[in-house]
Structures are given as C-alpha cells and as structure tokens.
Amino acid sequence: MTLRIAFAASNAPIAQSAKAALTRRYGDHAEEGADVIVALGGDGFMLDTLHRTQDLGAPVYGMNRGTVGFLMNEYSDHQLEERLAQAEEAVINPLSMTAETQDGEIHRALAINEVSLLRSGPQAAQVRISVDGKVRMSELVCDGVLVSTPAGSTAYNYSAHGPILPIGSDVLAVTAVAAFRPRRWRGALLPKTADVCFEVLAPGKRPVMAEADSRSVRNVVRVDVRSEPSIGHRVLFDPGHGLEERLIREQFV
C-alpha cells in the first residue's frame, strides 16, 4: 500500500526547494487523511507543525532543512517511503500553561519543549514557586525560570544548565535562568504529574513575560504548568537515531 504523505515546509528557500523536489517524486496528500506528515525545516518549524497538526492523528517525520535539527532526521529525497516504513515512533506529551495577566485575562497554551518565565524589564524577576499547592520556594530572584519536558531538556533548559532528561523518565525539570537569590539554586526534578505554580512578586515594578514554545504572554502575575497526558504528539525517527538515543548522545559531546 502506498503511503499517503503530506509535505509541510518552512519559508526558508532550502526548505521550499526540498518540498518541491519531494512532491515531484512522491506526490503531496492533504494533511487531513494523510498517513504521515513530513516536516521540512528546523526544530522551530517542527514544533509549529506538531502543534498545528495535533488533532489529525498522523505522525510527523521531520527532515532537517534548518540549523540544529535535534528533532529532525537527515534530509534525503531518496527512499523516503522505505525510511518512513522503518521509522521508530516516540510519543511526546506537552505541557499545559495557564497564565494570568495583570489585567485579569487568562491565556492558555501548550508547549512541547518548555514553559518559561522571563523578566521583561531592567530588574530581575521575583517569583514564588509552589508544587501541588505547597510553597517550595518563597522567593526566587532571577532572570527567569522554566519547566522543561524530557523532549525539550536539550533546548533552552540545557542552555540554562538544566539536566538532560531521558525520554521515558516521567519527570519534569524546573531550572532557573541566572539565579541571583538563592544564588546556588540549580533547579529541581519533579514527577511528571506535578502541578507547578509560579507567582510573580511585585509585577508592576518587575514585569515578567511567559512563553510556551515561543508563544508569549506579557505582564503575567501567575503561571500554572502541568503535563498534559491527554495529548500525545507522535514523532518519527530513523532507526538508531531516535529521541532516546539523541538525548543520551548529547550528554557525551
């Protein structure tokens, strides 16, 4: 049976050129009803594709036409159907973010990599952290703080000196960005089932923005984060180059 493949590409010329070549060779099915969606671009475009197609049910196979391409496979226009048939699947549960702003508005978003709070003014942010309704840190003074999934642990989390999490570890990483007080705090590992609440102290003087996979909400006063097990993003990787292998390999470079 011939696979029904839908191609999606970023606006980068190299990605558009790849889509044209692949479409000529394999055709291009509509995403609705496709057996698999092939995303051509970088990690940012892959995240956008996963968010956009999460209700369609088809797995997404990325091919790198961007920069880093951690979530992507190597690009080739040869033997694509064979590669798709042999691909390994990883299921990623996103984070759910509920952010309240100073004017009382509620914003909701999903994040496959991380939810982050970042100072948006000249002064450091002051944040209170609660886990499952219990205050765990009464005041964190920092440039920011984030909650990362295992899939996103090599992204912003790792740049902020957070841990790389095995894909099947069922934990979340809470990582500070340039913590000033407590100066030595390097973050925490929490069960995947944990509800994390960030309350912004002195939001008028020390404004904070929240981001869920680069979807921004400004002037937040409270942000609640939890894993969303009801949503599973299906991502395909070439054999021997799956997400678990990539997370392990990243720790030895």
Protein backbone atom coordinates (compact mmCIF):
# COMPACT_ATOMS: atom_id res chain seq x y z
CA MET A 1 0.00 0.00 0.00
CA THR A 2 1.38 3.40 -0.99
CA LEU A 3 1.77 5.81 1.91
CA ARG A 4 -0.25 8.99 1.73
CA ILE A 5 2.41 11.60 2.54
CA ALA A 6 1.71 15.27 3.26
CA PHE A 7 4.65 17.66 2.99
CA ALA A 8 4.99 20.86 5.02
CA ALA A 9 7.91 23.26 4.69
CA SER A 10 9.16 26.39 6.39
CA ASN A 11 9.52 29.60 4.40
CA ALA A 12 13.27 29.12 4.06
CA PRO A 13 14.27 28.72 0.37
CA ILE A 14 16.15 25.49 1.12
CA ALA A 15 13.01 24.01 2.70
CA GLN A 16 10.75 25.16 -0.12
CA SER A 17 13.15 23.68 -2.67
CA ALA A 18 13.16 20.36 -0.80
CA LYS A 19 9.36 20.28 -0.71
CA ALA A 20 9.19 20.86 -4.46
CA ALA A 21 11.64 18.01 -5.13
CA LEU A 22 9.87 15.59 -2.79
CA THR A 23 6.43 16.49 -4.12
CA ARG A 24 7.52 15.75 -7.67
CA ARG A 25 8.80 12.37 -6.57
CA TYR A 26 6.16 11.21 -4.08
CA GLY A 27 3.13 13.42 -4.63
CA ASP A 28 1.59 15.57 -1.91
CA HIS A 29 -1.51 14.47 0.01
CA ALA A 30 -3.66 16.80 2.08
CA GLU A 31 -2.74 16.72 5.77
CA GLU A 32 -6.26 15.66 6.64
CA GLY A 33 -6.31 11.95 5.86
CA ALA A 34 -2.55 11.59 5.37
CA ASP A 35 -0.76 8.56 6.81
CA VAL A 36 2.26 10.66 7.73
CA ILE A 37 3.26 14.33 7.65
CA VAL A 38 6.82 15.19 6.60
CA ALA A 39 8.04 18.50 8.04
CA LEU A 40 10.92 20.25 6.25
CA GLY A 41 12.73 22.94 8.22
CA GLY A 42 14.36 23.31 11.62
CA ASP A 43 13.29 22.50 15.16
CA GLY A 44 11.12 25.61 15.42
CA PHE A 45 9.15 24.62 12.34
CA MET A 46 8.87 21.06 13.66
CA LEU A 47 7.32 22.36 16.89
CA ASP A 48 4.91 24.53 14.91
CA THR A 49 3.92 21.54 12.76
CA LEU A 50 3.32 19.32 15.79
CA HIS A 51 1.12 21.98 17.41
CA ARG A 52 -0.78 22.65 14.21
CA THR A 53 -1.49 19.00 13.39
CA GLN A 54 -2.03 17.61 16.89
CA ASP A 55 -5.71 16.83 16.21
CA LEU A 56 -5.07 14.99 12.95
CA GLY A 57 -3.59 11.80 14.42
CA ALA A 58 -0.89 11.32 11.77
CA PRO A 59 2.72 11.03 12.98
CA VAL A 60 5.23 13.69 11.93
CA TYR A 61 8.60 12.84 10.40
CA GLY A 62 10.97 15.78 10.22
CA MET A 63 13.85 16.26 7.81
CA ASN A 64 16.39 18.93 8.64
CA ARG A 65 16.39 21.97 6.39
CA GLY A 66 17.24 24.29 9.28
CA THR A 67 20.14 24.72 11.68
CA VAL A 68 20.34 22.36 14.66
CA GLY A 69 17.60 19.90 13.79
CA PHE A 70 17.53 17.98 17.08
CA LEU A 71 14.00 16.77 16.39
CA MET A 72 14.73 16.15 12.72
CA ASN A 73 16.16 13.36 10.58
CA GLU A 74 18.81 13.85 7.93
CA TYR A 75 17.48 15.14 4.64
CA SER A 76 17.43 12.96 1.54
CA ASP A 77 14.96 12.73 -1.31
CA HIS A 78 15.78 9.03 -1.87
CA GLN A 79 13.94 6.01 -0.43
CA LEU A 80 11.62 8.14 1.68
CA GLU A 81 8.84 5.56 1.75
CA GLU A 82 11.29 2.90 2.98
CA ARG A 83 12.57 5.24 5.70
CA LEU A 84 9.05 6.02 6.85
CA ALA A 85 8.12 2.32 6.97
CA GLN A 86 11.14 1.57 9.19
CA ALA A 87 10.92 4.65 11.40
CA GLU A 88 10.74 4.47 15.19
CA GLU A 89 7.97 6.37 16.94
CA ALA A 90 8.26 8.48 20.09
CA VAL A 91 5.18 9.90 21.82
CA ILE A 92 5.65 13.29 23.49
CA ASN A 93 3.19 14.75 26.00
CA PRO A 94 3.21 18.56 26.00
CA LEU A 95 2.98 20.94 28.93
CA SER A 96 -0.17 22.93 29.56
CA MET A 97 0.33 26.58 30.53
CA THR A 98 -2.34 28.74 32.12
CA ALA A 99 -1.15 32.33 32.52
CA GLU A 100 -2.98 35.15 34.29
CA THR A 101 -2.02 38.74 33.40
CA GLN A 102 -2.17 41.92 35.48
CA ASP A 103 -5.48 42.90 33.88
CA GLY A 104 -7.07 39.58 34.89
CA GLU A 105 -7.04 37.91 31.47
CA ILE A 106 -6.37 34.17 31.28
CA HIS A 107 -4.20 32.77 28.46
CA ARG A 108 -3.75 29.07 27.74
CA ALA A 109 -1.15 27.40 25.54
CA LEU A 110 0.64 24.10 25.06
CA ALA A 111 4.41 23.61 24.99
CA ILE A 112 6.30 20.61 23.67
CA ASN A 113 9.71 21.87 24.85
CA GLU A 114 9.26 24.18 27.81
CA VAL A 115 7.25 26.88 29.56
CA SER A 116 9.48 29.75 30.67
CA LEU A 117 9.06 32.93 32.69
CA LEU A 118 11.45 35.72 31.77
CA ARG A 119 11.97 39.19 33.15
CA SER A 120 10.74 41.83 30.69
CA GLY A 121 12.17 44.90 32.40
CA PRO A 122 15.56 46.11 33.62
CA GLN A 123 15.26 44.46 37.05
CA ALA A 124 15.42 40.79 37.96
CA ALA A 125 12.16 38.90 38.41
CA GLN A 126 10.89 37.85 41.83
CA VAL A 127 8.94 34.59 41.72
CA ARG A 128 7.32 32.32 44.30
CA ILE A 129 7.25 28.62 43.36
CA SER A 130 4.61 26.17 44.57
CA VAL A 131 4.32 22.48 43.73
CA ASP A 132 0.98 20.71 44.12
CA GLY A 133 -0.33 23.61 46.19
CA LYS A 134 2.60 23.75 48.61
CA VAL A 135 5.06 26.65 48.56
CA ARG A 136 8.51 25.24 47.89
CA MET A 137 10.43 28.49 47.34
CA SER A 138 9.05 31.71 48.79
CA GLU A 139 11.24 33.95 46.63
CA LEU A 140 13.44 33.26 43.62
CA VAL A 141 15.24 36.31 42.25
CA CYS A 142 16.39 35.56 38.72
CA ASP A 143 16.34 36.48 35.05
CA GLY A 144 13.88 33.65 34.53
CA VAL A 145 12.72 30.16 35.41
CA LEU A 146 11.37 27.36 33.25
CA VAL A 147 9.71 23.96 33.29
CA SER A 148 11.00 21.53 30.67
CA THR A 149 9.80 18.22 29.28
CA PRO A 150 12.31 15.43 28.57
CA ALA A 151 11.94 16.16 24.84
CA GLY A 152 12.81 19.82 25.43
CA SER A 153 15.52 19.26 28.01
CA THR A 154 18.35 19.75 25.49
CA ALA A 155 16.95 23.09 24.33
CA TYR A 156 16.64 26.23 26.48
CA ASN A 157 16.75 24.09 29.65
CA TYR A 158 20.22 22.74 28.80
CA SER A 159 21.48 26.20 27.84
CA ALA A 160 20.43 27.36 31.32
CA HIS A 161 22.49 24.50 32.83
CA GLY A 162 19.50 22.29 33.49
CA PRO A 163 19.70 18.48 33.29
CA ILE A 164 19.10 16.36 30.20
CA LEU A 165 16.17 14.06 30.95
CA PRO A 166 15.76 10.55 29.49
CA ILE A 167 12.69 10.42 27.27
CA GLY A 168 10.97 7.78 29.43
CA SER A 169 11.87 9.28 32.81
CA ASP A 170 8.39 10.70 33.61
CA VAL A 171 9.91 13.76 35.28
CA LEU A 172 9.96 17.48 34.61
CA ALA A 173 12.90 19.83 35.13
CA VAL A 174 12.49 23.18 36.86
CA THR A 175 15.53 25.31 36.01
CA ALA A 176 16.49 28.84 36.96
CA VAL A 177 17.92 31.29 34.46
CA ALA A 178 20.71 33.32 36.07
CA ALA A 179 19.51 32.87 39.64
CA PHE A 180 20.62 35.67 41.96
CA ARG A 181 18.92 34.50 45.17
CA PRO A 182 19.23 31.76 46.25
CA ARG A 183 22.49 32.11 44.34
CA ARG A 184 23.39 28.41 44.36
CA TRP A 185 19.96 27.04 43.43
CA ARG A 186 20.26 24.94 40.28
CA GLY A 187 16.66 23.80 39.98
CA ALA A 188 14.63 20.70 40.77
CA LEU A 189 13.34 17.47 39.26
CA LEU A 190 9.62 16.86 39.74
CA PRO A 191 7.26 13.99 38.95
CA LYS A 192 5.55 14.34 35.60
CA THR A 193 2.22 14.52 37.47
CA ALA A 194 3.25 17.64 39.43
CA ASP A 195 1.33 20.92 39.16
CA VAL A 196 3.79 23.82 39.24
CA CYS A 197 2.66 27.35 40.07
CA PHE A 198 4.75 30.48 39.61
CA GLU A 199 3.52 33.67 41.31
CA VAL A 200 5.17 36.89 40.23
CA LEU A 201 6.04 39.17 43.16
CA ALA A 202 5.99 42.92 42.54
CA PRO A 203 4.80 42.55 38.91
CA GLY A 204 4.39 46.31 38.46
CA LYS A 205 8.00 47.04 39.34
CA ARG A 206 9.47 43.81 38.00
CA PRO A 207 7.37 42.78 34.97
CA VAL A 208 7.55 39.19 33.72
CA MET A 209 6.53 37.51 30.48
CA ALA A 210 5.67 33.84 29.98
CA GLU A 211 6.44 31.75 26.92
CA ALA A 212 5.15 28.35 25.81
CA ASP A 213 7.28 27.20 22.87
CA SER A 214 7.80 30.88 21.90
CA ARG A 215 4.12 31.79 22.31
CA SER A 216 4.40 34.84 24.54
CA VAL A 217 2.15 36.38 27.19
CA ARG A 218 3.32 39.64 28.72
CA ASN A 219 2.77 41.09 32.21
CA VAL A 220 1.87 37.82 33.92
CA VAL A 221 1.14 37.60 37.63
CA ARG A 222 0.61 33.83 37.87
CA VAL A 223 1.51 30.89 35.65
CA ASP A 224 0.38 27.30 36.23
CA VAL A 225 2.17 24.49 34.43
CA ARG A 226 1.43 20.78 34.25
CA SER A 227 1.95 17.90 31.88
CA GLU A 228 -0.96 17.19 29.52
CA PRO A 229 -1.21 13.36 29.23
CA SER A 230 -4.37 13.53 27.10
CA ILE A 231 -2.32 14.85 24.16
CA GLY A 232 0.37 12.71 22.57
CA HIS A 233 2.50 14.06 19.72
CA ARG A 234 3.73 11.19 17.53
CA VAL A 235 7.23 11.86 16.18
CA LEU A 236 9.11 9.52 13.82
CA PHE A 237 12.87 8.95 13.73
CA ASP A 238 15.19 6.82 11.61
CA PRO A 239 16.19 3.53 13.32
CA GLY A 240 19.07 4.01 15.74
CA HIS A 241 18.59 7.78 15.75
CA GLY A 242 15.50 8.04 17.96
CA LEU A 243 14.89 10.62 20.64
CA GLU A 244 16.22 8.44 23.45
CA GLU A 245 19.49 7.85 21.60
CA ARG A 246 19.81 11.57 20.83
CA LEU A 247 19.30 12.53 24.48
CA ILE A 248 21.97 10.07 25.61
CA ARG A 249 24.41 11.08 22.88
CA GLU A 250 24.01 14.77 23.71
CA GLN A 251 25.47 14.14 27.19
CA PHE A 252 28.78 12.86 25.80
CA VAL A 253 29.72 15.68 23.45
